[in-house]
Amino acid sequence: MGHFFNRAATAITLFIFFVLFFLYLPPIFTALMLTAVLLTILFSEWPRLMDPKKLPFWLITPFYPVLPFVLMIYMSYFSDYRQVLFYMMIIAFSQDTGGYLVGKAIGKHKLASYISPKKTWEGFWGGIAFTLLITYLIISNRNPAISFSVIFMISLSSSILSTLGDLSESWLKRKAGVKDSGTLLPGHGGFMDRFDSFLLIIFVFFIFRDYFLKIFNIKPL
C-alpha cells in the first residue's frame, strides 16, 4: 500500500510540474527542464542499464535515449508544438497508469514473463481502455468534430508503442540485473522508468506534429 501511495504522490507531483512547464512557463524553461532530465538519464541512469565501456553503449545512446529527447526539446521551443507534446505525454502515460491499476487488480496472464514478470495481458488491455478514455476526453473537448475512429487509432497506436517502449527498458534492466533505472522518483524509480513509454512514441508525434495540431485544434503561431 505504501508503494502505491508513493507512486500516486509522485505521479500527481509530476503532472503538476508538466502542466506548469508545458502550459504556463516560457518555452525556454521547458527546454531546460527536458535537458536536465536527459543529462540525469545519461550520467546517472543510463550507465546502470548499459556498460559505457562496451561498444553497444556508444552505438545505441545517440538514438536512444538522446534522439527522442532532442526531438522533445526542439518541439518545446514552439508554443503550439509544446501543447501537442503535453497532450501526447498524457495520452502515452495513460497506458502505463491504466495497465498498472488493472494489472494490479486482476492481472493473471503474463504478457512477457521473461522480460517483465509483473506485466499481464489484463493490464495491457486495461491500459488500452484507459488510454482510449483519456484520449477521448482530451480530443473531444479540444475538437468535437474529430471522428471516434481517429481517436481509437491514436489510442491503440500510442498504447502499443508505449508498451513496447516499456518492455524495451525492462529488457535492458533485466540484462543489467537492476530493478529500476534510478531512485529519484519514489514509486517509479528513475526518469528513464517514467519516460520509457514515451521514447518510441515521440518519433511518430514528431513526424505528424502538424497533423496533431489540427486534431487538438491548436492554432500555429
Foldseek 3Di string as FASTA:
>chain_A
DVLVVLQVVLVVVVLVVLCCQLPPDQLVSVLVVLVVQVVCCVPQQVCLLPPPVDDVCVVCVCLPPVVLSVLLSVLSNFNLSSVVVSLLLVLLCLLVVQLVVQLVPDFDAAPDCLLPVSGGPRSLVSSLVRSLVSLCVQLCVQPVVDDSVVSSVSSVVSSVLLVVLLSVSSNSCSVSVHDASACPRRSQGGVCSSCSSPRRVSVVCSVCVVVSCVSRVPDGD
